[in-house]
N, C-alpha and C. Protein backbone atom coordinates (compact mmCIF):
# COMPACT_ATOMS: atom_id res chain seq x y z
N VAL A 1 153.36 79.26 61.28
CA VAL A 1 152.11 79.08 60.58
C VAL A 1 151.43 80.40 60.38
N ARG A 2 151.48 81.22 61.35
CA ARG A 2 150.81 82.57 61.25
C ARG A 2 151.40 83.34 60.00
N THR A 3 152.75 83.22 59.81
CA THR A 3 153.36 83.91 58.73
C THR A 3 152.87 83.41 57.48
N LEU A 4 152.70 82.12 57.32
CA LEU A 4 152.19 81.50 56.08
C LEU A 4 150.77 82.00 55.82
N ARG A 5 149.93 82.04 56.87
CA ARG A 5 148.54 82.53 56.70
C ARG A 5 148.55 83.95 56.21
N ASN A 6 149.32 84.79 56.94
CA ASN A 6 149.44 86.22 56.55
C ASN A 6 149.94 86.48 55.20
N ALA A 7 150.80 85.55 54.67
CA ALA A 7 151.36 85.66 53.37
C ALA A 7 150.39 85.25 52.24
N GLY A 8 149.28 84.67 52.71
CA GLY A 8 148.22 84.29 51.65
C GLY A 8 148.29 82.87 51.25
N ALA A 9 148.81 82.01 52.09
CA ALA A 9 148.79 80.54 51.78
C ALA A 9 147.47 80.05 51.47
N ALA A 10 147.32 79.17 50.44
CA ALA A 10 146.03 78.63 50.02
C ALA A 10 145.66 77.40 50.89
N ALA A 11 146.69 76.78 51.53
CA ALA A 11 146.48 75.61 52.37
C ALA A 11 147.80 75.43 53.16
N ILE A 12 147.66 74.66 54.25
CA ILE A 12 148.88 74.41 55.08
C ILE A 12 148.90 72.93 55.42
N THR A 13 150.03 72.32 55.14
CA THR A 13 150.27 70.94 55.54
C THR A 13 151.26 70.89 56.67
N ILE A 14 150.92 70.26 57.75
CA ILE A 14 151.78 70.20 58.87
C ILE A 14 152.00 68.78 59.39
N HIS A 15 153.28 68.44 59.66
CA HIS A 15 153.65 67.15 60.21
C HIS A 15 153.86 67.31 61.68
N GLY A 16 153.38 66.41 62.46
CA GLY A 16 153.48 66.55 63.86
C GLY A 16 154.82 66.07 64.48
N ARG A 17 155.85 66.12 63.69
CA ARG A 17 157.17 65.75 64.18
C ARG A 17 158.18 66.52 63.29
N THR A 18 159.33 66.83 63.90
CA THR A 18 160.37 67.47 63.20
C THR A 18 161.30 66.50 62.44
N ALA A 19 162.08 67.00 61.51
CA ALA A 19 163.03 66.14 60.82
C ALA A 19 164.07 65.62 61.78
N GLN A 20 164.46 66.39 62.75
CA GLN A 20 165.48 66.01 63.76
C GLN A 20 164.94 64.86 64.59
N GLN A 21 163.67 64.79 64.87
CA GLN A 21 163.06 63.80 65.69
C GLN A 21 162.98 62.40 64.96
N GLY A 22 163.04 62.50 63.62
CA GLY A 22 162.89 61.30 62.86
C GLY A 22 161.68 60.51 63.26
N TYR A 23 161.91 59.22 63.49
CA TYR A 23 160.79 58.38 63.89
C TYR A 23 160.97 57.96 65.36
N SER A 24 161.67 58.81 66.09
CA SER A 24 162.01 58.50 67.53
C SER A 24 160.79 58.69 68.50
N LYS A 25 159.72 59.35 67.99
CA LYS A 25 158.56 59.58 68.83
C LYS A 25 157.30 59.70 67.93
N PRO A 26 156.17 59.49 68.50
CA PRO A 26 154.94 59.60 67.71
C PRO A 26 154.71 61.07 67.25
N ALA A 27 154.04 61.22 66.16
CA ALA A 27 153.63 62.57 65.72
C ALA A 27 152.72 63.29 66.79
N ASP A 28 152.94 64.55 66.89
CA ASP A 28 152.23 65.35 67.96
C ASP A 28 150.91 65.89 67.34
N TRP A 29 149.86 65.07 67.41
CA TRP A 29 148.57 65.51 66.82
C TRP A 29 147.94 66.60 67.73
N ASP A 30 148.29 66.73 68.94
CA ASP A 30 147.81 67.82 69.80
C ASP A 30 148.31 69.17 69.19
N LEU A 31 149.56 69.21 68.73
CA LEU A 31 150.03 70.36 68.12
C LEU A 31 149.33 70.71 66.81
N ILE A 32 149.03 69.69 66.05
CA ILE A 32 148.28 69.91 64.76
C ILE A 32 146.94 70.45 65.04
N GLN A 33 146.28 69.88 66.06
CA GLN A 33 144.93 70.38 66.45
C GLN A 33 145.05 71.86 66.96
N LYS A 34 146.07 72.17 67.65
CA LYS A 34 146.21 73.59 68.14
C LYS A 34 146.39 74.49 66.91
N VAL A 35 147.09 74.12 65.89
CA VAL A 35 147.22 74.92 64.64
C VAL A 35 145.84 75.15 64.04
N VAL A 36 145.02 74.14 64.00
CA VAL A 36 143.67 74.26 63.49
C VAL A 36 142.84 75.30 64.27
N GLN A 37 142.90 75.10 65.62
CA GLN A 37 142.12 75.93 66.46
C GLN A 37 142.58 77.39 66.40
N GLU A 38 143.83 77.62 66.34
CA GLU A 38 144.39 79.00 66.30
C GLU A 38 143.94 79.59 64.94
N GLY A 39 143.94 78.83 63.92
CA GLY A 39 143.48 79.36 62.64
C GLY A 39 142.08 79.93 62.69
N TYR A 40 141.21 79.16 63.33
CA TYR A 40 139.77 79.68 63.49
C TYR A 40 139.78 80.91 64.42
N GLU A 41 140.50 80.85 65.49
CA GLU A 41 140.48 81.98 66.40
C GLU A 41 141.03 83.23 65.87
N GLU A 42 141.99 83.17 64.91
CA GLU A 42 142.57 84.28 64.32
C GLU A 42 141.97 84.71 62.99
N GLY A 43 140.84 84.04 62.65
CA GLY A 43 140.13 84.44 61.44
C GLY A 43 140.55 83.84 60.15
N PHE A 44 141.35 82.70 60.27
CA PHE A 44 141.90 82.04 59.09
C PHE A 44 141.30 80.65 58.92
N GLY A 45 140.06 80.50 59.36
CA GLY A 45 139.39 79.19 59.28
C GLY A 45 139.07 78.79 57.88
N ASP A 46 139.24 79.69 56.90
CA ASP A 46 138.97 79.28 55.53
C ASP A 46 140.17 78.70 54.89
N ILE A 47 141.31 78.69 55.53
CA ILE A 47 142.54 78.07 54.99
C ILE A 47 142.62 76.64 55.48
N PRO A 48 142.54 75.72 54.52
CA PRO A 48 142.53 74.23 54.98
C PRO A 48 143.88 73.86 55.57
N VAL A 49 143.81 73.03 56.63
CA VAL A 49 144.99 72.42 57.27
C VAL A 49 144.98 70.96 57.01
N VAL A 50 146.06 70.46 56.50
CA VAL A 50 146.20 69.02 56.16
C VAL A 50 147.19 68.45 57.18
N GLY A 51 146.81 67.44 57.98
CA GLY A 51 147.67 66.89 59.01
C GLY A 51 148.40 65.60 58.51
N ASN A 52 149.52 65.39 59.00
CA ASN A 52 150.37 64.22 58.58
C ASN A 52 151.12 63.69 59.75
N GLY A 53 151.27 62.40 59.73
CA GLY A 53 152.09 61.71 60.83
C GLY A 53 151.41 60.46 61.40
N ASP A 54 152.09 59.38 61.25
CA ASP A 54 151.64 58.08 61.89
C ASP A 54 150.25 57.65 61.44
N ILE A 55 149.97 57.82 60.21
CA ILE A 55 148.64 57.30 59.67
C ILE A 55 148.92 56.08 58.88
N LEU A 56 148.50 54.91 59.43
CA LEU A 56 148.85 53.61 58.82
C LEU A 56 147.59 52.94 58.29
N THR A 57 146.43 53.36 58.76
CA THR A 57 145.21 52.77 58.29
C THR A 57 144.13 53.78 58.00
N HIS A 58 143.06 53.44 57.29
CA HIS A 58 141.97 54.44 56.99
C HIS A 58 141.24 54.72 58.30
N TYR A 59 141.35 53.77 59.26
CA TYR A 59 140.64 54.05 60.57
C TYR A 59 141.40 55.21 61.29
N GLU A 60 142.73 55.16 61.23
CA GLU A 60 143.51 56.22 61.87
C GLU A 60 143.25 57.57 61.15
N ALA A 61 143.21 57.47 59.86
CA ALA A 61 142.94 58.71 59.06
C ALA A 61 141.60 59.42 59.52
N THR A 62 140.57 58.48 59.58
CA THR A 62 139.27 59.02 60.01
C THR A 62 139.29 59.52 61.38
N ARG A 63 139.96 58.83 62.29
CA ARG A 63 140.03 59.31 63.70
C ARG A 63 140.81 60.61 63.85
N ARG A 64 141.88 60.76 63.14
CA ARG A 64 142.75 61.98 63.19
C ARG A 64 141.90 63.20 62.65
N ILE A 65 141.15 62.96 61.62
CA ILE A 65 140.32 64.07 61.04
C ILE A 65 139.25 64.47 62.04
N GLN A 66 138.62 63.49 62.67
CA GLN A 66 137.57 63.80 63.69
C GLN A 66 138.12 64.42 64.93
N GLU A 67 139.25 63.92 65.46
CA GLU A 67 139.79 64.40 66.71
C GLU A 67 140.51 65.78 66.63
N SER A 68 141.16 66.00 65.49
CA SER A 68 141.98 67.23 65.38
C SER A 68 141.31 68.30 64.53
N SER A 69 140.20 67.99 63.85
CA SER A 69 139.48 68.94 63.07
C SER A 69 140.24 69.40 61.80
N VAL A 70 141.32 68.65 61.43
CA VAL A 70 141.93 68.99 60.14
C VAL A 70 141.04 68.81 58.99
N ASP A 71 141.31 69.40 57.90
CA ASP A 71 140.42 69.34 56.72
C ASP A 71 140.67 68.06 55.95
N SER A 72 141.91 67.58 56.14
CA SER A 72 142.30 66.37 55.37
C SER A 72 143.57 65.84 56.05
N VAL A 73 143.94 64.65 55.64
CA VAL A 73 145.23 64.01 56.10
C VAL A 73 146.01 63.71 54.93
N MET A 74 147.39 63.67 55.10
CA MET A 74 148.29 63.22 54.05
C MET A 74 149.00 61.97 54.59
N VAL A 75 149.03 61.01 53.78
CA VAL A 75 149.75 59.70 54.12
C VAL A 75 151.08 59.71 53.54
N GLY A 76 152.06 59.45 54.37
CA GLY A 76 153.47 59.44 53.82
C GLY A 76 154.05 58.01 53.94
N ARG A 77 154.87 57.84 54.91
CA ARG A 77 155.57 56.54 55.12
C ARG A 77 154.56 55.35 55.22
N GLY A 78 153.42 55.65 55.86
CA GLY A 78 152.44 54.60 55.96
C GLY A 78 151.93 53.95 54.67
N CYS A 79 151.98 54.67 53.62
CA CYS A 79 151.53 54.09 52.36
C CYS A 79 152.57 53.18 51.75
N LEU A 80 153.81 53.25 52.18
CA LEU A 80 154.80 52.38 51.76
C LEU A 80 154.76 50.97 52.37
N THR A 81 154.31 50.91 53.63
CA THR A 81 154.20 49.66 54.33
C THR A 81 152.81 49.05 54.31
N LYS A 82 151.81 49.86 54.23
CA LYS A 82 150.45 49.40 54.28
C LYS A 82 149.59 50.13 53.28
N PRO A 83 149.80 49.97 52.02
CA PRO A 83 149.00 50.73 51.06
C PRO A 83 147.53 50.14 50.99
N TRP A 84 146.66 50.84 51.67
CA TRP A 84 145.29 50.36 51.74
C TRP A 84 144.78 49.71 50.58
């Protein structure tokens, strides 16, 4: 993520799970929160971070934004099964 920021990324979207993990475990929102915190600590707080993973309701979206301090969330698989 640091490389993306240093290269001038306008925003960063991060999923809390790798492709190899598939759906075998929950998304790691602690990791996403760490990315947000490190951005502020390193002077990149102006670059928005969008979190993704296991968001199936608007309640979860709101909670993830509040708890992780991401600027926004992206809904993926959840919108296929539960399109609000």
